[in-house]
PDB file of N, CA and C in Angstrom:
ATOM      1  N   MET A   1     -40.781  49.792-105.845  1.00  0.00           N
ATOM      2  CA  MET A   1     -39.895  50.755-105.248  1.00  0.00           C
ATOM      3  C   MET A   1     -40.689  51.671-104.324  1.00  0.00           C
ATOM      4  N   VAL A   2     -39.976  52.250-103.385  1.00  0.00           N
ATOM      5  CA  VAL A   2     -40.562  53.183-102.441  1.00  0.00           C
ATOM      6  C   VAL A   2     -40.110  54.582-102.821  1.00  0.00           C
ATOM      7  N   ARG A   3     -41.057  55.468-102.933  1.00  0.00           N
ATOM      8  CA  ARG A   3     -40.729  56.852-103.268  1.00  0.00           C
ATOM      9  C   ARG A   3     -40.304  57.554-101.986  1.00  0.00           C
ATOM     10  N   THR A   4     -39.206  58.291-102.064  1.00  0.00           N
ATOM     11  CA  THR A   4     -38.719  59.025-100.896  1.00  0.00           C
ATOM     12  C   THR A   4     -38.203  60.384-101.341  1.00  0.00           C
ATOM     13  N   GLN A   5     -38.037  61.256-100.391  1.00  0.00           N
ATOM     14  CA  GLN A   5     -37.545  62.590-100.695  1.00  0.00           C
ATOM     15  C   GLN A   5     -36.316  62.846 -99.837  1.00  0.00           C
ATOM     16  N   VAL A   6     -35.266  63.367-100.456  1.00  0.00           N
ATOM     17  CA  VAL A   6     -34.045  63.703 -99.725  1.00  0.00           C
ATOM     18  C   VAL A   6     -33.645  65.125-100.058  1.00  0.00           C
ATOM     19  N   GLN A   7     -32.915  65.728 -99.165  1.00  0.00           N
ATOM     20  CA  GLN A   7     -32.387  67.066 -99.414  1.00  0.00           C
ATOM     21  C   GLN A   7     -30.884  66.958 -99.567  1.00  0.00           C
ATOM     22  N   LEU A   8     -30.371  67.539-100.641  1.00  0.00           N
ATOM     23  CA  LEU A   8     -28.945  67.522-100.930  1.00  0.00           C
ATOM     24  C   LEU A   8     -28.411  68.943-100.896  1.00  0.00           C
ATOM     25  N   THR A   9     -27.127  69.059-100.640  1.00  0.00           N
ATOM     26  CA  THR A   9     -26.485  70.366-100.779  1.00  0.00           C
ATOM     27  C   THR A   9     -26.415  70.691-102.265  1.00  0.00           C
ATOM     28  N   GLU A  10     -26.130  71.929-102.564  1.00  0.00           N
ATOM     29  CA  GLU A  10     -25.986  72.334-103.966  1.00  0.00           C
ATOM     30  C   GLU A  10     -24.892  71.518-104.649  1.00  0.00           C
ATOM     31  N   GLU A  11     -23.805  71.302-103.932  1.00  0.00           N
ATOM     32  CA  GLU A  11     -22.676  70.555-104.489  1.00  0.00           C
ATOM     33  C   GLU A  11     -23.059  69.100-104.746  1.00  0.00           C
ATOM     34  N   GLN A  12     -23.774  68.498-103.809  1.00  0.00           N
ATOM     35  CA  GLN A  12     -24.194  67.109-103.978  1.00  0.00           C
ATOM     36  C   GLN A  12     -25.144  66.981-105.164  1.00  0.00           C
ATOM     37  N   ALA A  13     -26.100  67.893-105.257  1.00  0.00           N
ATOM     38  CA  ALA A  13     -27.063  67.854-106.365  1.00  0.00           C
ATOM     39  C   ALA A  13     -26.354  67.993-107.702  1.00  0.00           C
ATOM     40  N   ALA A  14     -25.389  68.885-107.773  1.00  0.00           N
ATOM     41  CA  ALA A  14     -24.639  69.069-109.020  1.00  0.00           C
ATOM     42  C   ALA A  14     -23.843  67.821-109.368  1.00  0.00           C
ATOM     43  N   ALA A  15     -23.249  67.209-108.373  1.00  0.00           N
ATOM     44  CA  ALA A  15     -22.458  65.998-108.615  1.00  0.00           C
ATOM     45  C   ALA A  15     -23.347  64.847-109.073  1.00  0.00           C
ATOM     46  N   VAL A  16     -24.514  64.700-108.453  1.00  0.00           N
ATOM     47  CA  VAL A  16     -25.447  63.643-108.853  1.00  0.00           C
ATOM     48  C   VAL A  16     -25.900  63.870-110.294  1.00  0.00           C
ATOM     49  N   LYS A  17     -26.223  65.097-110.625  1.00  0.00           N
ATOM     50  CA  LYS A  17     -26.659  65.421-111.983  1.00  0.00           C
ATOM     51  C   LYS A  17     -25.551  65.128-112.994  1.00  0.00           C
ATOM     52  N   ARG A  18     -24.326  65.513-112.661  1.00  0.00           N
ATOM     53  CA  ARG A  18     -23.185  65.260-113.552  1.00  0.00           C
ATOM     54  C   ARG A  18     -22.964  63.767-113.752  1.00  0.00           C
ATOM     55  N   LEU A  19     -23.012  62.998-112.667  1.00  0.00           N
ATOM     56  CA  LEU A  19     -22.822  61.546-112.773  1.00  0.00           C
ATOM     57  C   LEU A  19     -23.919  60.907-113.615  1.00  0.00           C
ATOM     58  N   ALA A  20     -25.140  61.358-113.415  1.00  0.00           N
ATOM     59  CA  ALA A  20     -26.258  60.818-114.187  1.00  0.00           C
ATOM     60  C   ALA A  20     -26.041  61.055-115.676  1.00  0.00           C
ATOM     61  N   MET A  21     -25.615  62.253-116.018  1.00  0.00           N
ATOM     62  CA  MET A  21     -25.374  62.579-117.430  1.00  0.00           C
ATOM     63  C   MET A  21     -24.204  61.776-117.993  1.00  0.00           C
ATOM     64  N   GLU A  22     -23.129  61.656-117.203  1.00  0.00           N
ATOM     65  CA  GLU A  22     -21.940  60.924-117.669  1.00  0.00           C
ATOM     66  C   GLU A  22     -22.236  59.453-117.913  1.00  0.00           C
ATOM     67  N   HIS A  23     -23.089  58.883-117.072  1.00  0.00           N
ATOM     68  CA  HIS A  23     -23.367  57.442-117.161  1.00  0.00           C
ATOM     69  C   HIS A  23     -24.680  57.141-117.879  1.00  0.00           C
ATOM     70  N   ASN A  24     -25.333  58.207-118.344  1.00  0.00           N
ATOM     71  CA  ASN A  24     -26.594  58.057-119.072  1.00  0.00           C
ATOM     72  C   ASN A  24     -27.637  57.282-118.258  1.00  0.00           C
ATOM     73  N   ILE A  25     -27.757  57.652-116.994  1.00  0.00           N
ATOM     74  CA  ILE A  25     -28.748  57.058-116.107  1.00  0.00           C
ATOM     75  C   ILE A  25     -29.476  58.196-115.386  1.00  0.00           C
ATOM     76  N   SER A  26     -30.548  57.853-114.718  1.00  0.00           N
ATOM     77  CA  SER A  26     -31.302  58.886-114.002  1.00  0.00           C
ATOM     78  C   SER A  26     -30.578  59.276-112.716  1.00  0.00           C
ATOM     79  N   GLN A  27     -30.940  60.432-112.211  1.00  0.00           N
ATOM     80  CA  GLN A  27     -30.385  60.865-110.932  1.00  0.00           C
ATOM     81  C   GLN A  27     -30.816  59.908-109.815  1.00  0.00           C
ATOM     82  N   ALA A  28     -32.026  59.405-109.913  1.00  0.00           N
ATOM     83  CA  ALA A  28     -32.512  58.442-108.916  1.00  0.00           C
ATOM     84  C   ALA A  28     -31.641  57.184-108.919  1.00  0.00           C
ATOM     85  N   GLU A  29     -31.242  56.751-110.126  1.00  0.00           N
ATOM     86  CA  GLU A  29     -30.386  55.565-110.216  1.00  0.00           C
ATOM     87  C   GLU A  29     -29.017  55.828-109.608  1.00  0.00           C
ATOM     88  N   VAL A  30     -28.481  57.022-109.804  1.00  0.00           N
ATOM     89  CA  VAL A  30     -27.203  57.385-109.168  1.00  0.00           C
ATOM     90  C   VAL A  30     -27.344  57.256-107.657  1.00  0.00           C
ATOM     91  N   LEU A  31     -28.413  57.813-107.113  1.00  0.00           N
ATOM     92  CA  LEU A  31     -28.612  57.762-105.659  1.00  0.00           C
ATOM     93  C   LEU A  31     -28.825  56.333-105.174  1.00  0.00           C
ATOM     94  N   ARG A  32     -29.595  55.525-105.920  1.00  0.00           N
ATOM     95  CA  ARG A  32     -29.790  54.121-105.522  1.00  0.00           C
ATOM     96  C   ARG A  32     -28.458  53.381-105.480  1.00  0.00           C
ATOM     97  N   ARG A  33     -27.617  53.622-106.486  1.00  0.00           N
ATOM     98  CA  ARG A  33     -26.309  52.951-106.517  1.00  0.00           C
ATOM     99  C   ARG A  33     -25.438  53.405-105.356  1.00  0.00           C
ATOM    100  N   CYS A  34     -25.515  54.683-105.024  1.00  0.00           N
ATOM    101  CA  CYS A  34     -24.753  55.186-103.873  1.00  0.00           C
ATOM    102  C   CYS A  34     -25.226  54.528-102.584  1.00  0.00           C
ATOM    103  N   VAL A  35     -26.528  54.424-102.427  1.00  0.00           N
ATOM    104  CA  VAL A  35     -27.080  53.788-101.226  1.00  0.00           C
ATOM    105  C   VAL A  35     -26.673  52.318-101.181  1.00  0.00           C
ATOM    106  N   ASP A  36     -26.764  51.614-102.316  1.00  0.00           N
ATOM    107  CA  ASP A  36     -26.352  50.210-102.369  1.00  0.00           C
ATOM    108  C   ASP A  36     -24.891  50.043-101.968  1.00  0.00           C
ATOM    109  N   ASP A  37     -24.043  50.922-102.491  1.00  0.00           N
ATOM    110  CA  ASP A  37     -22.617  50.863-102.180  1.00  0.00           C
ATOM    111  C   ASP A  37     -22.379  51.100-100.690  1.00  0.00           C
ATOM    112  N   TYR A  38     -23.054  52.090-100.141  1.00  0.00           N
ATOM    113  CA  TYR A  38     -22.895  52.398 -98.725  1.00  0.00           C
ATOM    114  C   TYR A  38     -23.349  51.227 -97.856  1.00  0.00           C
ATOM    115  N   ILE A  39     -24.474  50.637 -98.199  1.00  0.00           N
ATOM    116  CA  ILE A  39     -24.982  49.495 -97.436  1.00  0.00           C
ATOM    117  C   ILE A  39     -24.029  48.314 -97.542  1.00  0.00           C
ATOM    118  N   ALA A  40     -23.501  48.076 -98.727  1.00  0.00           N
ATOM    119  CA  ALA A  40     -22.565  46.956 -98.912  1.00  0.00           C
ATOM    120  C   ALA A  40     -21.327  47.121 -98.042  1.00  0.00           C
ATOM    121  N   ARG A  41     -20.871  48.363 -97.889  1.00  0.00           N
ATOM    122  CA  ARG A  41     -19.663  48.608 -97.098  1.00  0.00           C
ATOM    123  C   ARG A  41     -19.938  48.733 -95.609  1.00  0.00           C
ATOM    124  N   ASN A  42     -21.124  49.175 -95.240  1.00  0.00           N
ATOM    125  CA  ASN A  42     -21.381  49.502 -93.837  1.00  0.00           C
ATOM    126  C   ASN A  42     -22.627  48.860 -93.246  1.00  0.00           C
ATOM    127  N   GLY A  43     -23.380  48.164 -94.056  1.00  0.00           N
ATOM    128  CA  GLY A  43     -24.688  47.700 -93.612  1.00  0.00           C
ATOM    129  C   GLY A  43     -24.687  46.517 -92.668  1.00  0.00           C
ATOM    130  N   ARG A  44     -23.614  45.747 -92.669  1.00  0.00           N
ATOM    131  CA  ARG A  44     -23.588  44.582 -91.779  1.00  0.00           C
ATOM    132  C   ARG A  44     -23.447  45.040 -90.346  1.00  0.00           C
ATOM    133  N   SER A  45     -24.053  44.296 -89.476  1.00  0.00           N
ATOM    134  CA  SER A  45     -23.896  44.630 -88.065  1.00  0.00           C
ATOM    135  C   SER A  45     -22.495  44.237 -87.619  1.00  0.00           C
ATOM    136  N   GLY A  46     -22.031  44.833 -86.579  1.00  0.00           N
ATOM    137  CA  GLY A  46     -20.718  44.509 -86.046  1.00  0.00           C
ATOM    138  C   GLY A  46     -20.606  43.033 -85.697  1.00  0.00           C
ATOM    139  N   ARG A  47     -21.683  42.489 -85.179  1.00  0.00           N
ATOM    140  CA  ARG A  47     -21.695  41.067 -84.807  1.00  0.00           C
ATOM    141  C   ARG A  47     -21.524  40.183 -86.039  1.00  0.00           C
ATOM    142  N   ASP A  48     -22.223  40.516 -87.133  1.00  0.00           N
ATOM    143  CA  ASP A  48     -22.088  39.733 -88.367  1.00  0.00           C
ATOM    144  C   ASP A  48     -20.659  39.776 -88.881  1.00  0.00           C
ATOM    145  N   GLU A  49     -20.057  40.950 -88.825  1.00  0.00           N
ATOM    146  CA  GLU A  49     -18.684  41.088 -89.304  1.00  0.00           C
ATOM    147  C   GLU A  49     -17.722  40.287 -88.439  1.00  0.00           C
ATOM    148  N   ILE A  50     -17.913  40.295 -87.144  1.00  0.00           N
ATOM    149  CA  ILE A  50     -17.054  39.521 -86.241  1.00  0.00           C
ATOM    150  C   ILE A  50     -17.158  38.040 -86.559  1.00  0.00           C
ATOM    151  N   TRP A  51     -18.374  37.556 -86.756  1.00  0.00           N
ATOM    152  CA  TRP A  51     -18.542  36.134 -87.086  1.00  0.00           C
ATOM    153  C   TRP A  51     -17.907  35.798 -88.425  1.00  0.00           C
ATOM    154  N   GLU A  52     -18.053  36.680 -89.390  1.00  0.00           N
ATOM    155  CA  GLU A  52     -17.455  36.445 -90.698  1.00  0.00           C
ATOM    156  C   GLU A  52     -15.938  36.373 -90.599  1.00  0.00           C
ATOM    157  N   ARG A  53     -15.337  37.275 -89.836  1.00  0.00           N
ATOM    158  CA  ARG A  53     -13.882  37.263 -89.664  1.00  0.00           C
ATOM    159  C   ARG A  53     -13.436  36.011 -88.918  1.00  0.00           C
ATOM    160  N   ALA A  54     -14.213  35.585 -87.925  1.00  0.00           N
ATOM    161  CA  ALA A  54     -13.863  34.376 -87.171  1.00  0.00           C
ATOM    162  C   ALA A  54     -13.925  33.145 -88.079  1.00  0.00           C
ATOM    163  N   ARG A  55     -14.977  33.065 -88.904  1.00  0.00           N
ATOM    164  CA  ARG A  55     -15.085  31.923 -89.820  1.00  0.00           C
ATOM    165  C   ARG A  55     -13.923  31.909 -90.812  1.00  0.00           C
ATOM    166  N   ALA A  56     -13.488  33.083 -91.251  1.00  0.00           N
ATOM    167  CA  ALA A  56     -12.372  33.160 -92.194  1.00  0.00           C
ATOM    168  C   ALA A  56     -11.068  32.698 -91.550  1.00  0.00           C
ATOM    169  N   ALA A  57     -10.952  32.870 -90.240  1.00  0.00           N
ATOM    170  CA  ALA A  57      -9.721  32.493 -89.546  1.00  0.00           C
ATOM    171  C   ALA A  57      -9.643  30.999 -89.264  1.00  0.00           C
ATOM    172  N   VAL A  58     -10.771  30.314 -89.268  1.00  0.00           N
ATOM    173  CA  VAL A  58     -10.774  28.880 -88.984  1.00  0.00           C
ATOM    174  C   VAL A  58      -9.948  28.159 -90.031  1.00  0.00           C
ATOM    175  N   GLY A  59      -8.999  27.372 -89.569  1.00  0.00           N
ATOM    176  CA  GLY A  59      -8.139  26.622 -90.467  1.00  0.00           C
ATOM    177  C   GLY A  59      -7.015  27.443 -91.059  1.00  0.00           C
ATOM    178  N   PHE A  60      -6.869  28.675 -90.614  1.00  0.00           N
ATOM    179  CA  PHE A  60      -5.832  29.555 -91.152  1.00  0.00           C
ATOM    180  C   PHE A  60      -4.440  29.008 -90.859  1.00  0.00           C
ATOM    181  N   ILE A  61      -4.238  28.497 -89.645  1.00  0.00           N
ATOM    182  CA  ILE A  61      -2.944  27.934 -89.263  1.00  0.00           C
ATOM    183  C   ILE A  61      -2.995  26.436 -89.529  1.00  0.00           C
ATOM    184  N   LYS A  62      -2.222  26.016 -90.501  1.00  0.00           N
ATOM    185  CA  LYS A  62      -2.252  24.606 -90.919  1.00  0.00           C
ATOM    186  C   LYS A  62      -1.353  23.735 -90.043  1.00  0.00           C
ATOM    187  N   ASN A  63      -0.212  24.282 -89.633  1.00  0.00           N
ATOM    188  CA  ASN A  63       0.730  23.508 -88.837  1.00  0.00           C
ATOM    189  C   ASN A  63       0.846  24.142 -87.463  1.00  0.00           C
ATOM    190  N   GLY A  64       0.860  23.335 -86.458  1.00  0.00           N
ATOM    191  CA  GLY A  64       0.978  23.861 -85.111  1.00  0.00           C
ATOM    192  C   GLY A  64       0.425  22.864 -84.120  1.00  0.00           C
ATOM    193  N   PRO A  65       0.434  23.240 -82.874  1.00  0.00           N
ATOM    194  CA  PRO A  65      -0.038  22.325 -81.846  1.00  0.00           C
ATOM    195  C   PRO A  65      -1.521  22.010 -82.037  1.00  0.00           C
ATOM    196  N   THR A  66      -1.849  20.763 -81.814  1.00  0.00           N
ATOM    197  CA  THR A  66      -3.246  20.349 -81.951  1.00  0.00           C
ATOM    198  C   THR A  66      -4.029  20.542 -80.655  1.00  0.00           C
ATOM    199  N   ASP A  67      -3.320  20.893 -79.578  1.00  0.00           N
ATOM    200  CA  ASP A  67      -3.994  21.087 -78.285  1.00  0.00           C
ATOM    201  C   ASP A  67      -4.018  22.566 -77.884  1.00  0.00           C
ATOM    202  N   MET A  68      -4.007  23.446 -78.855  1.00  0.00           N
ATOM    203  CA  MET A  68      -3.949  24.873 -78.582  1.00  0.00           C
ATOM    204  C   MET A  68      -5.113  25.340 -77.707  1.00  0.00           C
ATOM    205  N   ALA A  69      -6.305  24.838 -77.953  1.00  0.00           N
ATOM    206  CA  ALA A  69      -7.468  25.280 -77.179  1.00  0.00           C
ATOM    207  C   ALA A  69      -7.314  24.940 -75.705  1.00  0.00           C
ATOM    208  N   ALA A  70      -6.739  23.804 -75.415  1.00  0.00           N
ATOM    209  CA  ALA A  70      -6.595  23.367 -74.027  1.00  0.00           C
ATOM    210  C   ALA A  70      -5.375  24.000 -73.347  1.00  0.00           C
ATOM    211  N   ARG A  71      -4.292  24.249 -74.107  1.00  0.00           N
ATOM    212  CA  ARG A  71      -3.045  24.714 -73.499  1.00  0.00           C
ATOM    213  C   ARG A  71      -2.624  26.106 -73.954  1.00  0.00           C
ATOM    214  N   HIS A  72      -3.571  26.928 -74.340  1.00  0.00           N
ATOM    215  CA  HIS A  72      -3.226  28.252 -74.873  1.00  0.00           C
ATOM    216  C   HIS A  72      -2.415  29.084 -73.896  1.00  0.00           C
ATOM    217  N   ASP A  73      -2.721  29.000 -72.597  1.00  0.00           N
ATOM    218  CA  ASP A  73      -1.961  29.771 -71.608  1.00  0.00           C
ATOM    219  C   ASP A  73      -0.504  29.315 -71.558  1.00  0.00           C
ATOM    220  N   ASP A  74      -0.281  28.011 -71.634  1.00  0.00           N
ATOM    221  CA  ASP A  74       1.083  27.481 -71.624  1.00  0.00           C
ATOM    222  C   ASP A  74       1.872  27.992 -72.838  1.00  0.00           C
ATOM    223  N   TYR A  75       1.244  27.932 -74.010  1.00  0.00           N
ATOM    224  CA  TYR A  75       1.925  28.377 -75.219  1.00  0.00           C
ATOM    225  C   TYR A  75       2.202  29.880 -75.185  1.00  0.00           C
ATOM    226  N   LEU A  76       1.279  30.636 -74.623  1.00  0.00           N
ATOM    227  CA  LEU A  76       1.476  32.066 -74.510  1.00  0.00           C
ATOM    228  C   LEU A  76       2.643  32.372 -73.564  1.00  0.00           C
ATOM    229  N   ALA A  77       2.700  31.680 -72.442  1.00  0.00           N
ATOM    230  CA  ALA A  77       3.797  31.868 -71.492  1.00  0.00           C
ATOM    231  C   ALA A  77       5.130  31.520 -72.140  1.00  0.00           C
ATOM    232  N   GLU A  78       5.162  30.438 -72.909  1.00  0.00           N
ATOM    233  CA  GLU A  78       6.403  30.041 -73.592  1.00  0.00           C
ATOM    234  C   GLU A  78       6.813  31.106 -74.603  1.00  0.00           C
ATOM    235  N   ALA A  79       5.874  31.697 -75.285  1.00  0.00           N
ATOM    236  CA  ALA A  79       6.187  32.707 -76.286  1.00  0.00           C
ATOM    237  C   ALA A  79       6.796  33.950 -75.619  1.00  0.00           C
ATOM    238  N   TYR A  80       6.312  34.312 -74.426  1.00  0.00           N
ATOM    239  CA  TYR A  80       6.848  35.472 -73.741  1.00  0.00           C
ATOM    240  C   TYR A  80       8.226  35.196 -73.138  1.00  0.00           C
ATOM    241  N   GLU A  81       8.551  33.942 -72.861  1.00  0.00           N
ATOM    242  CA  GLU A  81       9.860  33.586 -72.315  1.00  0.00           C
ATOM    243  C   GLU A  81      10.952  33.710 -73.378  1.00  0.00           C
ATOM    244  N   GLU A  82      10.607  33.566 -74.637  1.00  0.00           N
ATOM    245  CA  GLU A  82      11.616  33.564 -75.700  1.00  0.00           C
ATOM    246  C   GLU A  82      12.152  34.924 -75.967  1.00  0.00           C
TER     247      GLU A  82
END
């Protein structure tokens, strides 16, 4: 582990201390878990998230035209005519 120093507000320090006592863990462990949670929610780059969302969309539409990539403009125009 890497030793680091952070400055917290009085309220943050009190909350960390309370959580540590409630969960019977050290204050350092509370902070590590908070950092892990933050990284899990925000740590991916925007590009990684875009690729992940694109991969999830592949195969999403099971039924439909098989030539969508080639004729997307035609299908879009037809949709606006309706």
